[in-house]
């Protein structure tokens, strides 16, 4: 399924009263002169209520990344010395000095 076909369907559905069931979306699309392809896309939707046109599109063609269900990020050991070496621990480092 192409993104452009789903985008055209979204444009066609502009103006539909939301929230709407799949059957209401189909009826509205038919009134607006939907193509057989657009009607076919709407038939792919599950029988439920849709709150937004973007929700309809996202159901047909996932655009947003799926939520990650993984362990929270664990800190890793430092990979080297901090910039400036140990100068960050000196109470009065020499300003502008470059370590070699």
Protein backbone atom coordinates (compact mmCIF):
# COMPACT_ATOMS: atom_id res chain seq x y z
CA UNK A 1 0.00 0.00 0.00
CA UNK A 2 1.37 3.39 -0.93
CA UNK A 3 1.59 6.40 1.32
CA UNK A 4 0.11 8.56 -1.45
CA UNK A 5 -3.07 6.44 -1.59
CA UNK A 6 -3.57 6.80 2.15
CA UNK A 7 -2.87 10.54 1.95
CA UNK A 8 -5.48 10.93 -0.81
CA UNK A 9 -7.96 9.02 1.36
CA UNK A 10 -7.28 11.42 4.22
CA UNK A 11 -8.05 14.36 1.95
CA UNK A 12 -11.27 12.69 0.82
CA UNK A 13 -12.36 12.18 4.44
CA UNK A 14 -11.87 15.84 5.37
CA UNK A 15 -15.20 17.02 6.69
CA UNK A 16 -16.49 13.70 8.02
CA UNK A 17 -18.10 13.98 11.45
CA UNK A 18 -15.74 12.47 13.99
CA UNK A 19 -15.60 10.27 15.94
CA UNK A 20 -16.88 7.86 13.31
CA UNK A 21 -17.34 4.14 12.91
CA UNK A 22 -15.92 2.35 9.87
CA UNK A 23 -19.41 2.17 8.32
CA UNK A 24 -19.80 5.95 8.68
CA UNK A 25 -16.43 6.51 7.03
CA UNK A 26 -17.47 4.25 4.15
CA UNK A 27 -20.79 6.06 3.68
CA UNK A 28 -19.10 9.47 3.75
CA UNK A 29 -16.42 8.37 1.28
CA UNK A 30 -19.06 7.03 -1.11
CA UNK A 31 -20.93 10.36 -0.94
CA UNK A 32 -17.70 12.16 -1.78
CA UNK A 33 -17.09 10.03 -4.88
CA UNK A 34 -14.41 7.72 -3.51
CA UNK A 35 -12.59 5.50 -5.96
CA UNK A 36 -12.84 1.70 -5.67
CA UNK A 37 -9.29 1.72 -4.26
CA UNK A 38 -10.27 4.17 -1.52
CA UNK A 39 -13.36 2.12 -0.65
CA UNK A 40 -11.15 -0.97 -0.52
CA UNK A 41 -8.79 0.77 1.89
CA UNK A 42 -11.66 1.65 4.18
CA UNK A 43 -12.89 -1.97 4.12
CA UNK A 44 -9.49 -2.97 5.56
CA UNK A 45 -10.20 -0.97 8.72
CA UNK A 46 -11.29 -2.87 11.81
CA UNK A 47 -14.87 -2.44 13.02
CA UNK A 48 -14.39 0.28 15.64
CA UNK A 49 -14.66 3.99 16.22
CA UNK A 50 -11.99 6.37 14.91
CA UNK A 51 -11.33 9.67 16.68
CA UNK A 52 -9.28 11.36 13.94
CA UNK A 53 -8.51 11.02 10.24
CA UNK A 54 -4.86 10.56 11.18
CA UNK A 55 -5.89 7.55 13.28
CA UNK A 56 -7.55 6.08 10.19
CA UNK A 57 -4.36 6.58 8.17
CA UNK A 58 -2.13 5.21 10.93
CA UNK A 59 -4.30 2.09 11.13
CA UNK A 60 -3.94 1.52 7.38
CA UNK A 61 -0.26 2.34 7.08
CA UNK A 62 1.90 2.68 10.16
CA UNK A 63 3.93 5.84 9.83
CA UNK A 64 4.94 6.45 13.42
CA UNK A 65 7.49 4.07 14.91
CA UNK A 66 6.06 1.40 17.17
CA UNK A 67 6.59 2.07 20.87
CA UNK A 68 9.64 0.35 22.23
CA UNK A 69 8.99 -2.09 25.03
CA UNK A 70 12.48 -2.58 26.29
CA UNK A 71 14.39 -2.24 29.52
CA UNK A 72 15.12 1.41 30.36
CA UNK A 73 18.50 2.62 29.21
CA UNK A 74 21.24 1.49 31.56
CA UNK A 75 24.28 3.73 32.03
CA UNK A 76 27.54 2.40 30.65
CA UNK A 77 31.05 2.75 31.96
CA UNK A 78 32.87 5.86 30.77
CA UNK A 79 34.75 5.38 27.52
CA UNK A 80 37.72 7.59 28.29
CA UNK A 81 38.99 10.72 29.99
CA UNK A 82 36.73 13.78 30.04
CA UNK A 83 37.65 16.70 27.78
CA UNK A 84 40.46 18.65 29.42
CA UNK A 85 41.77 15.68 31.33
CA UNK A 86 41.84 16.08 35.10
CA UNK A 87 41.66 19.89 34.93
CA UNK A 88 37.94 19.72 35.70
CA UNK A 89 38.78 18.66 39.28
CA UNK A 90 41.19 21.55 39.95
CA UNK A 91 39.59 24.31 42.02
CA UNK A 92 41.35 27.08 40.04
CA UNK A 93 42.39 25.72 36.65
CA UNK A 94 44.55 27.90 34.44
CA UNK A 95 42.18 29.63 32.02
CA UNK A 96 42.83 28.96 28.35
CA UNK A 97 45.54 26.44 29.03
CA UNK A 98 45.82 23.52 26.67
CA UNK A 99 47.13 20.27 28.04
CA UNK A 100 49.59 18.33 25.96
